[in-house]
C-alpha cells in the first residue's frame, strides 16, 4: 500500500531554499553585444565541484499589456517576428530600453505607441521568466482597463507594418486551440487577466 503524502497548508512553502544543492556562477565572458541583448559564456560550478559552461543571453527585460476594452475585447497586435519568420498575434509589448523608466511607465508607453490607447487603470498581473534555459529576460505583464484613445506613435521597421486586432475574450481560447495564437506571454497574460476581471465582478 502506498501512503499518501501529508497535505501541506496552502501558505507553506513548497521547498526550503536552504535544502537546494548550490550552483555558483564564477565567471562570465562577453561574446557579442547587440543593441538590446548581450551574449555571454558563463562558467558555473555544480554542487559536486565540477565546472561547466553555458551560453547565456542577457536581456534588460520587457513589458506586455493585456488591454481590455469596455465591451470585453482584448487589443492585440499582428506583428512580423524575424526570429521565427512569421506573423504573430500577441499583446502590445516592448523591451525595457529606456534607462530609469519604471516597468509600469514602459507599459503605458508601449500601449500608446503600438495601439493608441491610454490606461488610467494599470495592474501588474505577473512578472515571468520568458526563456530561462538560456536568457535572463523577465517580462512584466499588466492588465489595462478604462482605455481611452491617444495618437499611435510606432517605432521600428516591423511596427510600421503592424496591425491592430481586437479579439472578443470569449473567442480567445479557440484561437489558442487552433494555433492562431502561440505567443506564451499572450496566452499567460490573457488567462491571468480574465481571472482578475472575473474576481472583480
Protein backbone atom coordinates (compact mmCIF):
# COMPACT_ATOMS: atom_id res chain seq x y z
CA UNK A 1 0.00 0.00 0.00
CA UNK A 2 1.32 3.44 -0.94
CA UNK A 3 0.98 6.08 1.73
CA UNK A 4 -0.24 9.46 0.56
CA UNK A 5 1.93 12.50 1.16
CA UNK A 6 0.65 14.57 4.09
CA UNK A 7 -1.25 17.63 2.96
CA UNK A 8 0.59 20.91 3.20
CA UNK A 9 -1.06 24.09 4.42
CA UNK A 10 -1.67 26.27 1.36
CA UNK A 11 0.60 29.01 2.70
CA UNK A 12 3.51 26.63 3.40
CA UNK A 13 6.47 26.93 1.01
CA UNK A 14 6.82 24.08 -1.48
CA UNK A 15 10.50 23.71 -0.69
CA UNK A 16 13.21 25.05 1.62
CA UNK A 17 15.74 27.14 -0.35
CA UNK A 18 18.44 26.16 2.14
CA UNK A 19 17.99 22.49 1.18
CA UNK A 20 18.66 23.03 -2.54
CA UNK A 21 22.04 21.96 -3.99
CA UNK A 22 24.22 25.00 -4.59
CA UNK A 23 25.37 26.14 -8.02
CA UNK A 24 27.87 29.02 -8.24
CA UNK A 25 28.50 31.21 -11.28
CA UNK A 26 32.19 32.06 -11.07
CA UNK A 27 32.83 34.00 -14.28
CA UNK A 28 31.21 35.34 -17.42
CA UNK A 29 32.77 36.29 -20.75
CA UNK A 30 31.06 38.66 -23.18
CA UNK A 31 30.92 37.10 -26.64
CA UNK A 32 28.84 39.69 -28.50
CA UNK A 33 26.86 42.81 -27.65
CA UNK A 34 23.81 43.94 -29.63
CA UNK A 35 21.52 46.93 -29.31
CA UNK A 36 19.34 45.23 -26.67
CA UNK A 37 20.95 41.90 -25.73
CA UNK A 38 24.38 40.59 -24.80
CA UNK A 39 25.59 37.05 -25.50
CA UNK A 40 27.92 35.70 -22.82
CA UNK A 41 29.60 32.45 -21.82
CA UNK A 42 29.02 31.75 -18.14
CA UNK A 43 31.22 29.41 -16.11
CA UNK A 44 29.38 27.62 -13.31
CA UNK A 45 30.45 25.23 -10.55
CA UNK A 46 27.94 22.47 -9.78
CA UNK A 47 27.19 21.08 -6.28
CA UNK A 48 29.87 18.38 -6.72
CA UNK A 49 32.54 20.99 -7.52
CA UNK A 50 32.60 20.27 -11.28
CA UNK A 51 32.88 23.22 -13.68
CA UNK A 52 30.71 23.63 -16.77
CA UNK A 53 29.86 26.39 -19.26
CA UNK A 54 26.58 27.74 -20.57
CA UNK A 55 25.76 30.26 -23.29
CA UNK A 56 23.63 33.00 -21.70
CA UNK A 57 21.72 35.87 -23.25
CA UNK A 58 21.49 38.95 -21.03
CA UNK A 59 18.33 41.00 -21.64
CA UNK A 60 17.11 44.24 -19.99
CA UNK A 61 13.59 42.89 -19.55
CA UNK A 62 10.28 43.58 -21.23
CA UNK A 63 6.68 44.62 -20.62
CA UNK A 64 3.42 43.42 -22.13
CA UNK A 65 -0.09 44.78 -21.72
CA UNK A 66 -3.44 42.99 -21.68
CA UNK A 67 -5.62 45.90 -22.77
CA UNK A 68 -9.32 45.08 -22.29
CA UNK A 69 -11.98 47.38 -23.70
CA UNK A 70 -15.32 48.16 -22.09
CA UNK A 71 -17.01 45.65 -24.42
CA UNK A 72 -14.74 42.77 -23.33
CA UNK A 73 -12.35 42.61 -26.23
CA UNK A 74 -8.59 42.32 -25.82
CA UNK A 75 -6.47 44.57 -28.00
CA UNK A 76 -3.75 42.53 -29.76
CA UNK A 77 -1.22 43.30 -32.47
CA UNK A 78 -0.36 41.25 -35.53
CA UNK A 79 3.40 41.71 -35.95
CA UNK A 80 6.14 40.12 -38.04
CA UNK A 81 8.81 38.46 -35.85
CA UNK A 82 12.10 37.82 -37.64
CA UNK A 83 13.33 35.21 -35.15
CA UNK A 84 10.52 32.84 -36.12
CA UNK A 85 10.00 34.33 -39.61
CA UNK A 86 6.24 34.64 -39.24
CA UNK A 87 3.49 36.99 -38.19
CA UNK A 88 2.37 36.56 -34.57
CA UNK A 89 -0.81 37.73 -32.88
CA UNK A 90 0.31 38.98 -29.49
CA UNK A 91 -0.04 41.54 -26.73
CA UNK A 92 1.32 45.05 -27.20
CA UNK A 93 4.81 44.70 -25.75
CA UNK A 94 8.31 46.08 -25.79
CA UNK A 95 11.79 46.00 -24.35
CA UNK A 96 12.69 47.98 -21.22
CA UNK A 97 15.25 50.02 -23.12
CA UNK A 98 14.80 53.45 -21.50
CA UNK A 99 17.20 53.87 -18.61
CA UNK A 100 15.48 54.60 -15.30
CA UNK A 101 11.96 54.03 -16.67
CA UNK A 102 9.68 52.02 -14.37
CA UNK A 103 8.03 48.94 -15.85
CA UNK A 104 4.58 50.48 -15.45
CA UNK A 105 5.63 53.57 -17.39
CA UNK A 106 7.20 51.41 -20.11
CA UNK A 107 3.89 49.53 -20.34
CA UNK A 108 1.93 52.77 -20.73
CA UNK A 109 4.37 53.95 -23.39
CA UNK A 110 4.16 50.75 -25.41
CA UNK A 111 0.38 50.69 -25.17
CA UNK A 112 0.16 54.20 -26.57
CA UNK A 113 2.83 53.77 -29.23
CA UNK A 114 1.60 50.46 -30.64
CA UNK A 115 -2.19 50.53 -30.36
CA UNK A 116 -3.10 54.12 -29.47
CA UNK A 117 -4.60 53.63 -26.03
CA UNK A 118 -4.01 55.24 -22.65
CA UNK A 119 -4.87 53.32 -19.49
CA UNK A 120 -5.62 55.12 -16.22
CA UNK A 121 -6.05 51.70 -14.60
CA UNK A 122 -2.93 49.53 -14.84
CA UNK A 123 -2.47 46.41 -12.67
CA UNK A 124 0.57 44.14 -12.56
CA UNK A 125 -0.57 40.56 -13.26
CA UNK A 126 2.76 38.77 -13.08
CA UNK A 127 6.49 39.01 -13.70
CA UNK A 128 7.60 35.91 -15.55
CA UNK A 129 10.76 34.35 -16.98
CA UNK A 130 10.45 34.07 -20.76
CA UNK A 131 13.16 31.58 -21.84
CA UNK A 132 15.19 30.79 -18.69
CA UNK A 133 17.00 27.91 -20.39
CA UNK A 134 19.37 30.45 -21.96
CA UNK A 135 18.12 34.01 -21.31
CA UNK A 136 17.65 36.09 -18.14
CA UNK A 137 14.74 38.12 -19.56
CA UNK A 138 11.78 38.74 -17.27
CA UNK A 139 8.57 40.23 -18.61
CA UNK A 140 6.17 42.28 -16.51
CA UNK A 141 2.62 41.70 -17.76
CA UNK A 142 -0.02 44.31 -16.92
CA UNK A 143 -3.81 44.49 -17.16
CA UNK A 144 -5.05 47.79 -18.61
CA UNK A 145 -8.68 48.89 -18.34
CA UNK A 146 -10.60 52.14 -18.64
CA UNK A 147 -8.98 52.68 -22.03
CA UNK A 148 -9.06 55.98 -23.90
CA UNK A 149 -7.80 56.73 -27.40
CA UNK A 150 -4.47 58.53 -27.94
CA UNK A 151 -2.30 59.00 -31.04
CA UNK A 152 -0.31 55.99 -32.25
CA UNK A 153 3.47 56.52 -32.45
CA UNK A 154 5.04 53.30 -33.67
CA UNK A 155 8.81 52.81 -33.59
CA UNK A 156 10.89 50.45 -35.70
CA UNK A 157 10.52 48.77 -39.08
CA UNK A 158 8.27 45.88 -38.07
CA UNK A 159 5.95 48.13 -36.07
CA UNK A 160 5.41 50.23 -39.17
CA UNK A 161 3.57 47.28 -40.71
CA UNK A 162 1.83 46.18 -37.52
CA UNK A 163 -1.94 45.68 -37.49
CA UNK A 164 -4.32 46.02 -34.55
CA UNK A 165 -6.68 43.10 -33.97
CA UNK A 166 -9.35 43.32 -31.28
CA UNK A 167 -10.41 39.84 -30.16
CA UNK A 168 -13.53 39.17 -28.05
CA UNK A 169 -12.44 37.47 -24.84
CA UNK A 170 -14.91 34.63 -25.43
CA UNK A 171 -13.06 33.77 -28.69
CA UNK A 172 -9.57 33.76 -27.21
CA UNK A 173 -9.41 30.10 -26.17
CA UNK A 174 -10.46 28.89 -29.61
CA UNK A 175 -7.66 30.95 -31.20
CA UNK A 176 -5.16 29.26 -28.88
CA UNK A 177 -6.63 25.84 -29.61
CA UNK A 178 -6.37 26.24 -33.39
CA UNK A 179 -2.81 27.63 -33.28
CA UNK A 180 -3.68 31.19 -34.29
CA UNK A 181 -2.20 32.48 -31.01
CA UNK A 182 1.08 30.82 -30.00
CA UNK A 183 2.87 33.57 -28.07
CA UNK A 184 3.40 32.36 -24.48
CA UNK A 185 3.21 35.76 -22.78
CA UNK A 186 -0.06 36.48 -24.57
CA UNK A 187 -1.62 33.17 -23.51
CA UNK A 188 -0.46 33.61 -19.91
CA UNK A 189 -1.39 37.28 -19.70
CA UNK A 190 -4.92 36.94 -21.05
CA UNK A 191 -5.56 33.94 -18.80
CA UNK A 192 -4.49 35.87 -15.72
CA UNK A 193 -6.42 38.95 -16.83
CA UNK A 194 -9.66 37.02 -17.22
CA UNK A 195 -9.22 35.56 -13.74
CA UNK A 196 -8.60 39.03 -12.29
CA UNK A 197 -11.57 40.54 -14.13
CA UNK A 198 -13.88 37.70 -13.06
CA UNK A 199 -12.86 38.14 -9.42
CA UNK A 200 -13.66 41.84 -9.59
CA UNK A 201 -17.20 41.35 -10.88
